[in-house]
Amino acid sequence: MKVKNMENIPEVPALNKAVRLDAIGDFKVVEQPLRELRDDEILVRVGACGICGSDIPRIYELGTRVFPVVLGHEFSGEVVAVANEADKALVGRKAAIFPLIPCLECEMCLTGNYAQCTNYNYLGSRSDGGFAEYCILPSRWHLVLSKGSEVSLEDLAMVEPATVGQHALRKGGVKNGDKVLIIGAGPIGIMTARWAKLFGASKVILFDVLDEKITFAQERGLEIYNSIGLDLAAFVKEKVGGLGFDVVIEGTGTSGGLHSAINTVRTFGTIGLLGNPHKDTVIALNDHSTILRKEIKLQGFWNSVYETYPFNEWQHTVNMIEEGKLQVNDLVTHRAGLENLEDLTRKIWKHEIVICKAMYSANEN
């Protein structure tokens, strides 16, 4: 492999070991050539990459738009080579990776709303991503650089899901003193709860239906309840005086989650729709009527904001992790190296293990 600016840099191998999806269910370790960098491209050595909830159905049920492809979009790495001489100072820097590759031509891109790009590419689903030793980025634009050396690459791999939670609260209009309910206590739900406290919410409560997740969240100091069979009216009266929560973040995409949200949010309150809907999700007639009577605002969320104006949510997440204000590393419950990554994803798919956050780590065998 020919790469510019490689003085005093460890030699980059010609082959890149990765876990590649060749077809639905065909998820395996391969070695593929690392091509020469061109234009403004950046080569990063991947340090860690989270297994997103969306990766599991991609691997075993739905597939992707292109085959073969190296999955993994929640990742971090260290810059090891650059194509453009102007980027030489980046070599050795650690960063979280922004995986979206916008077209930069559509109306959404021209207004900085890259998450709504109408003709996008994506590292880890449409182009090779982070389940690999190395990944080629289109340019330095995709690097959310760490300012210091103390933050771990595993922490930086949590930036993508953490920023999704931050974005939900910003779009949901959460402000100081608000009472917030978060439905779903997965990693994004827990990080959203932590963000809500940083936003100044006066009350933050989570719902879930799995005892393992409830115990996990309780062990991390969060107030959480099992919503199955819960008298929602009595619960609201006890916890927030009967008026309801100012903002409810629905993170499960289920009918039950929607029901709980509609019946716990206050009149004129906001329900934020964060969870991808299940194929059988419906809104009951009475709940639909309640939306109208309460004049509830339904706010959809998609991804995050990656632009200086009005606010770069990704950089803020990195800053908060580096400053020790947002804790993320205690949510990683399972790790695997490349050789064992397929086994870990299969156990998740078959519900043989209960995880909070599972991750590929370059430090694992």
Protein backbone atom coordinates (compact mmCIF):
# COMPACT_ATOMS: atom_id res chain seq x y z
CA MET A 1 0.00 0.00 0.00
CA LYS A 2 1.34 3.45 -0.96
CA VAL A 3 0.52 6.14 1.56
CA LYS A 4 1.95 9.63 1.83
CA ASN A 5 3.42 11.17 4.96
CA MET A 6 4.48 7.92 6.57
CA GLU A 7 7.75 9.15 8.11
CA ASN A 8 8.20 7.91 11.69
CA ILE A 9 4.86 6.10 11.51
CA PRO A 10 4.54 2.33 12.04
CA GLU A 11 4.26 0.54 8.73
CA VAL A 12 0.68 -0.04 7.59
CA PRO A 13 0.09 -3.57 6.34
CA ALA A 14 -1.08 -4.28 2.82
CA LEU A 15 -4.01 -6.32 4.16
CA ASN A 16 -6.80 -5.17 6.42
CA LYS A 17 -8.44 -7.77 8.66
CA ALA A 18 -12.17 -7.12 9.00
CA VAL A 19 -15.48 -8.79 9.76
CA ARG A 20 -17.45 -8.47 6.54
CA LEU A 21 -21.08 -9.09 5.63
CA ASP A 22 -21.19 -10.89 2.26
CA ALA A 23 -24.88 -11.82 2.41
CA ILE A 24 -27.62 -12.08 5.01
CA GLY A 25 -26.22 -14.34 7.73
CA ASP A 26 -22.80 -14.55 6.06
CA PHE A 27 -20.77 -12.49 8.53
CA LYS A 28 -17.13 -13.55 8.69
CA VAL A 29 -13.52 -12.55 9.23
CA VAL A 30 -11.67 -11.70 6.02
CA GLU A 31 -8.43 -10.08 4.96
CA GLN A 32 -8.81 -7.55 2.18
CA PRO A 33 -6.32 -5.18 0.53
CA LEU A 34 -5.86 -1.64 1.78
CA ARG A 35 -5.85 0.54 -1.31
CA GLU A 36 -3.79 3.68 -1.78
CA LEU A 37 -5.19 6.84 -0.23
CA ARG A 38 -6.28 9.60 -2.60
CA ASP A 39 -7.50 13.21 -2.51
CA ASP A 40 -8.22 14.18 1.13
CA GLU A 41 -8.64 10.67 2.54
CA ILE A 42 -7.59 9.72 6.06
CA LEU A 43 -6.58 6.28 7.30
CA VAL A 44 -7.47 5.45 10.89
CA ARG A 45 -6.52 2.44 12.97
CA VAL A 46 -9.80 1.43 14.59
CA GLY A 47 -9.68 1.29 18.37
CA ALA A 48 -13.23 0.25 19.16
CA CYS A 49 -16.61 -0.03 17.47
CA GLY A 50 -19.97 -0.47 19.16
CA ILE A 51 -22.50 -3.03 18.00
CA CYS A 52 -25.60 -0.96 17.28
CA GLY A 53 -29.07 -2.42 17.72
CA SER A 54 -29.54 -1.83 13.99
CA ASP A 55 -26.50 -3.97 13.12
CA ILE A 56 -28.11 -7.21 14.33
CA PRO A 57 -31.07 -7.19 11.89
CA ARG A 58 -28.71 -6.05 9.12
CA ILE A 59 -26.57 -9.14 9.68
CA TYR A 60 -29.23 -11.79 10.20
CA GLU A 61 -32.54 -10.56 8.74
CA LEU A 62 -32.52 -7.48 6.49
CA GLY A 63 -29.12 -7.25 4.87
CA THR A 64 -27.71 -4.02 3.46
CA ARG A 65 -27.97 -2.04 0.22
CA VAL A 66 -24.54 -3.26 -0.88
CA PHE A 67 -22.61 -6.51 -0.51
CA PRO A 68 -19.95 -7.14 0.56
CA VAL A 69 -19.57 -4.46 3.23
CA VAL A 70 -17.74 -4.09 6.53
CA LEU A 71 -20.32 -3.03 9.11
CA GLY A 72 -19.84 -0.86 12.20
CA HIS A 73 -20.69 2.84 12.40
CA GLU A 74 -20.15 3.59 16.12
CA PHE A 75 -16.39 3.75 16.08
CA SER A 76 -13.23 5.56 17.01
CA GLY A 77 -9.65 5.40 15.92
CA GLU A 78 -6.20 6.91 15.65
CA VAL A 79 -5.03 8.63 12.49
CA VAL A 80 -2.10 6.70 10.99
CA ALA A 81 -1.83 8.14 7.47
CA VAL A 82 -3.16 10.98 5.32
CA ALA A 83 -3.30 11.65 1.59
CA ASN A 84 -3.11 15.42 1.81
CA GLU A 85 0.11 17.03 3.05
CA ALA A 86 -1.97 19.70 4.80
CA ASP A 87 -3.39 17.04 7.13
CA LYS A 88 -0.02 15.69 8.32
CA ALA A 89 -0.44 17.15 11.82
CA LEU A 90 -3.43 14.84 12.34
CA VAL A 91 -1.26 11.72 12.41
CA GLY A 92 -1.31 10.23 15.89
CA ARG A 93 -4.51 12.03 16.93
CA LYS A 94 -7.43 10.11 18.45
CA ALA A 95 -10.98 10.78 17.35
CA ALA A 96 -14.56 9.66 17.28
CA ILE A 97 -15.72 9.09 13.70
CA PHE A 98 -18.78 10.77 12.18
CA PRO A 99 -19.97 8.01 9.81
CA LEU A 100 -22.42 9.88 7.58
CA ILE A 101 -21.13 10.80 4.13
CA PRO A 102 -23.51 13.50 2.86
CA CYS A 103 -23.86 14.41 -0.80
CA LEU A 104 -23.24 18.12 -0.02
CA GLU A 105 -25.53 19.06 -2.92
CA CYS A 106 -29.14 18.56 -1.80
CA GLU A 107 -31.18 21.22 -0.01
CA MET A 108 -30.71 19.54 3.36
CA CYS A 109 -26.92 19.46 3.00
CA LEU A 110 -26.76 23.06 1.82
CA THR A 111 -28.52 24.09 5.04
CA GLY A 112 -26.24 21.94 7.23
CA ASN A 113 -28.91 19.32 7.98
CA TYR A 114 -26.72 16.40 6.98
CA ALA A 115 -28.77 13.77 8.82
CA GLN A 116 -31.60 14.50 6.39
CA CYS A 117 -29.42 14.23 3.25
CA THR A 118 -31.45 12.74 0.40
CA ASN A 119 -28.51 11.00 -1.32
CA TYR A 120 -26.10 9.98 1.41
CA ASN A 121 -23.48 7.29 1.89
CA TYR A 122 -22.62 5.81 5.28
CA LEU A 123 -19.56 4.20 6.82
CA GLY A 124 -20.59 0.84 8.26
CA SER A 125 -23.67 0.13 6.17
CA ARG A 126 -23.15 1.44 2.63
CA SER A 127 -19.35 1.72 2.73
CA ASP A 128 -16.80 -0.17 4.81
CA GLY A 129 -16.89 0.81 8.47
CA GLY A 130 -15.41 0.08 11.86
CA PHE A 131 -15.47 -3.70 12.33
CA ALA A 132 -11.91 -3.79 11.03
CA GLU A 133 -8.31 -3.06 11.89
CA TYR A 134 -8.31 0.02 9.63
CA CYS A 135 -10.87 2.26 7.95
CA ILE A 136 -10.45 4.87 5.20
CA LEU A 137 -12.37 8.11 5.80
CA PRO A 138 -13.24 10.50 2.94
CA SER A 139 -11.61 13.47 4.72
CA ARG A 140 -10.70 15.06 8.05
CA TRP A 141 -14.27 16.36 8.22
CA HIS A 142 -15.30 12.99 9.70
CA LEU A 143 -12.89 13.27 12.64
CA VAL A 144 -14.24 14.52 15.98
CA LEU A 145 -10.87 14.98 17.57
CA SER A 146 -10.02 14.27 21.18
CA LYS A 147 -8.18 17.15 22.84
CA GLY A 148 -6.33 15.06 25.37
CA SER A 149 -4.69 11.66 25.70
CA GLU A 150 -6.61 10.44 28.76
CA VAL A 151 -9.92 9.58 27.10
CA SER A 152 -9.98 6.00 25.79
CA LEU A 153 -10.83 4.92 22.26
CA GLU A 154 -13.59 2.81 23.76
CA ASP A 155 -15.12 5.93 25.31
CA LEU A 156 -14.85 7.71 21.95
CA ALA A 157 -16.67 4.80 20.28
CA MET A 158 -19.65 5.65 22.52
CA VAL A 159 -19.91 9.18 21.11
CA GLU A 160 -22.34 8.27 18.31
CA PRO A 161 -25.09 6.72 20.51
CA ALA A 162 -24.46 9.29 23.26
CA THR A 163 -24.99 12.10 20.77
CA VAL A 164 -28.26 10.55 19.63
CA GLY A 165 -29.52 10.88 23.21
CA GLN A 166 -28.28 14.44 23.48
CA HIS A 167 -29.99 15.35 20.20
CA ALA A 168 -33.30 13.90 21.41
CA LEU A 169 -33.33 16.15 24.45
CA ARG A 170 -32.39 19.24 22.44
CA LYS A 171 -35.07 18.62 19.82
CA GLY A 172 -37.50 17.69 22.57
CA GLY A 173 -36.98 21.10 24.15
CA VAL A 174 -35.87 19.85 27.56
CA LYS A 175 -34.93 22.76 29.79
CA ASN A 176 -33.84 23.40 33.35
CA GLY A 177 -36.46 22.24 35.85
CA ASP A 178 -38.35 19.95 33.47
CA LYS A 179 -39.63 16.54 34.51
CA VAL A 180 -38.50 13.91 32.02
CA LEU A 181 -39.54 10.30 31.46
CA ILE A 182 -37.47 8.03 29.22
CA ILE A 183 -39.05 4.80 27.99
CA GLY A 184 -36.44 2.14 27.27
CA ALA A 185 -33.31 1.58 29.37
CA GLY A 186 -30.83 0.43 26.77
CA PRO A 187 -27.51 2.26 26.40
CA ILE A 188 -29.08 5.22 24.60
CA GLY A 189 -31.88 5.41 27.17
CA ILE A 190 -29.43 5.45 30.06
CA MET A 191 -27.20 8.03 28.39
CA THR A 192 -30.28 10.14 27.61
CA ALA A 193 -31.16 10.04 31.31
CA ARG A 194 -27.66 11.20 32.17
CA TRP A 195 -27.90 13.98 29.61
CA ALA A 196 -31.26 15.04 31.06
CA LYS A 197 -29.64 15.59 34.44
CA LEU A 198 -26.86 17.58 32.78
CA PHE A 199 -29.56 19.65 31.05
CA GLY A 200 -30.93 20.52 34.49
CA ALA A 201 -34.07 18.37 34.57
CA SER A 202 -35.57 18.33 38.05
CA LYS A 203 -36.89 14.78 37.72
CA VAL A 204 -35.59 11.97 35.49
CA ILE A 205 -37.27 8.56 35.46
CA LEU A 206 -36.89 5.55 33.16
CA PHE A 207 -39.29 2.76 32.22
CA ASP A 208 -38.41 -0.71 30.98
CA VAL A 209 -40.00 -4.15 30.94
CA LEU A 210 -36.95 -6.38 31.48
CA ASP A 211 -35.81 -7.02 35.03
CA GLU A 212 -32.16 -7.35 33.95
CA LYS A 213 -32.17 -3.87 32.40
CA ILE A 214 -33.97 -2.41 35.39
CA THR A 215 -31.41 -3.86 37.80
CA PHE A 216 -28.55 -2.67 35.59
CA ALA A 217 -29.88 0.91 35.57
CA GLN A 218 -30.57 0.87 39.30
CA GLU A 219 -26.99 -0.21 39.96
CA ARG A 220 -25.94 2.96 38.15
CA GLY A 221 -28.01 5.18 40.39
CA LEU A 222 -30.97 5.77 38.08
CA GLU A 223 -34.64 5.84 39.07
CA ILE A 224 -36.37 3.22 36.96
CA TYR A 225 -39.61 1.23 37.05
CA ASN A 226 -41.14 -1.74 35.28
CA SER A 227 -44.04 -0.34 33.25
CA ILE A 228 -45.87 -3.67 32.83
CA GLY A 229 -49.18 -3.48 34.67
CA LEU A 230 -48.35 -0.08 36.10
CA ASP A 231 -51.29 2.21 36.95
CA LEU A 232 -50.01 5.14 34.94
CA ALA A 233 -52.42 7.72 36.36
CA ALA A 234 -51.51 6.79 39.94
CA PHE A 235 -47.82 6.69 39.06
CA VAL A 236 -47.90 10.17 37.54
CA LYS A 237 -49.80 11.55 40.53
CA GLU A 238 -47.25 10.11 42.93
CA LYS A 239 -44.10 11.08 41.04
CA VAL A 240 -44.89 14.43 39.45
CA GLY A 241 -48.04 15.65 41.17
CA GLY A 242 -50.55 14.33 38.68
CA LEU A 243 -49.82 16.91 35.99
CA GLY A 244 -47.61 14.63 33.96
CA PHE A 245 -44.08 14.78 32.60
CA ASP A 246 -43.03 17.80 30.58
CA VAL A 247 -41.14 15.65 28.07
CA VAL A 248 -41.37 11.91 27.44
CA ILE A 249 -38.74 10.27 25.25
CA GLU A 250 -40.12 7.06 23.71
CA GLY A 251 -37.17 4.86 22.83
CA THR A 252 -38.71 1.44 22.18
CA GLY A 253 -40.87 1.96 19.10
CA THR A 254 -43.54 -0.32 20.56
CA SER A 255 -47.28 0.04 21.04
CA GLY A 256 -46.80 -0.31 24.80
CA GLY A 257 -44.15 2.38 24.82
CA LEU A 258 -46.43 4.78 22.93
CA HIS A 259 -49.30 4.02 25.31
CA SER A 260 -47.13 4.80 28.33
CA ALA A 261 -45.86 8.01 26.74
CA ILE A 262 -49.30 9.32 25.80
CA ASN A 263 -50.68 8.62 29.26
CA THR A 264 -47.81 10.06 31.28
CA VAL A 265 -47.04 13.29 29.40
CA ARG A 266 -48.74 16.44 30.63
CA THR A 267 -51.27 18.43 28.67
CA PHE A 268 -49.41 20.53 26.06
CA GLY A 269 -46.32 18.40 26.73
CA THR A 270 -43.92 16.81 24.23
CA ILE A 271 -43.44 13.18 23.27
CA GLY A 272 -40.15 12.56 21.49
CA LEU A 273 -40.13 9.59 19.13
CA LEU A 274 -36.64 8.11 19.32
CA GLY A 275 -37.15 4.36 18.86
CA ASN A 276 -37.53 2.82 15.42
CA PRO A 277 -41.10 1.47 15.15
CA HIS A 278 -41.79 -2.24 15.25
CA LYS A 279 -43.70 -3.64 12.28
CA ASP A 280 -46.82 -4.18 14.43
CA THR A 281 -46.76 -0.88 16.36
CA VAL A 282 -50.17 0.79 16.53
CA ILE A 283 -51.82 3.66 18.44
CA ALA A 284 -55.02 2.63 20.20
CA LEU A 285 -58.19 4.66 19.61
CA ASN A 286 -58.30 6.04 23.15
CA ASP A 287 -54.64 7.01 22.99
CA HIS A 288 -55.18 8.78 19.68
CA SER A 289 -58.01 10.73 21.28
CA THR A 290 -55.78 11.61 24.23
CA ILE A 291 -53.18 13.08 21.88
CA LEU A 292 -55.85 15.41 20.52
CA ARG A 293 -57.38 16.36 23.88
CA LYS A 294 -54.02 17.06 25.52
CA GLU A 295 -52.72 18.79 22.39
CA ILE A 296 -49.55 16.75 22.74
CA LYS A 297 -46.63 17.68 20.53
CA LEU A 298 -45.13 14.64 18.76
CA GLN A 299 -41.51 15.30 17.84
CA GLY A 300 -39.54 12.91 15.67
CA PHE A 301 -35.78 12.52 16.10
CA TRP A 302 -33.23 11.35 13.56
CA ASN A 303 -29.56 11.00 14.30
CA SER A 304 -27.88 14.25 15.36
CA VAL A 305 -26.52 17.66 14.38
CA TYR A 306 -23.00 17.79 12.97
CA GLU A 307 -22.44 21.42 12.14
CA THR A 308 -20.85 24.36 13.93
CA TYR A 309 -24.06 26.36 13.60
CA PRO A 310 -26.34 26.15 15.43
CA PHE A 311 -24.39 23.65 17.56
CA ASN A 312 -22.11 20.68 16.94
CA GLU A 313 -23.60 18.01 19.19
CA TRP A 314 -20.78 15.56 18.43
CA GLN A 315 -18.03 17.86 19.64
CA HIS A 316 -20.05 18.64 22.75
CA THR A 317 -20.34 14.93 23.53
CA VAL A 318 -16.58 14.47 23.19
CA ASN A 319 -15.97 17.49 25.41
CA MET A 320 -18.35 16.24 28.11
CA ILE A 321 -16.77 12.78 28.12
CA GLU A 322 -13.27 14.26 28.32
CA GLU A 323 -14.29 16.55 31.17
CA GLY A 324 -15.71 13.58 33.08
CA LYS A 325 -19.22 15.02 33.11
CA LEU A 326 -20.79 12.28 30.95
CA GLN A 327 -19.94 8.74 31.98
CA VAL A 328 -20.20 6.10 29.27
CA ASN A 329 -17.62 3.36 29.94
CA ASP A 330 -19.69 1.64 32.63
CA LEU A 331 -22.31 0.69 30.01
CA VAL A 332 -20.05 -1.66 28.03
CA THR A 333 -20.93 -5.16 29.19
CA HIS A 334 -19.51 -7.34 26.39
CA ARG A 335 -16.39 -7.06 24.23
CA ALA A 336 -14.92 -9.12 21.42
CA GLY A 337 -12.00 -9.03 19.04
CA LEU A 338 -12.49 -9.52 15.32
CA GLU A 339 -12.16 -13.30 15.55
CA ASN A 340 -15.00 -13.56 18.07
CA LEU A 341 -17.25 -10.77 16.82
CA GLU A 342 -19.56 -13.00 14.77
CA ASP A 343 -20.11 -15.27 17.77
CA LEU A 344 -21.02 -12.27 19.95
CA THR A 345 -23.49 -10.85 17.42
CA ARG A 346 -25.12 -14.26 16.96
CA LYS A 347 -25.63 -14.64 20.72
CA ILE A 348 -27.25 -11.20 20.80
CA TRP A 349 -29.52 -12.10 17.87
CA LYS A 350 -30.58 -15.38 19.49
CA HIS A 351 -31.14 -13.67 22.87
CA GLU A 352 -28.64 -16.00 24.50
CA ILE A 353 -27.11 -13.08 26.41
CA VAL A 354 -28.45 -9.85 27.88
CA ILE A 355 -26.30 -6.85 27.04
CA CYS A 356 -26.25 -3.15 27.64
CA LYS A 357 -23.53 -2.19 25.15
CA ALA A 358 -21.50 -4.74 23.21
CA MET A 359 -18.38 -3.64 21.41
CA TYR A 360 -15.59 -4.70 19.11
CA SER A 361 -12.34 -3.77 20.83
CA ALA A 362 -8.98 -3.86 19.11
CA ASN A 363 -7.51 -4.80 22.52
CA GLU A 364 -9.47 -8.05 22.68
CA ASN A 365 -8.16 -11.30 21.22
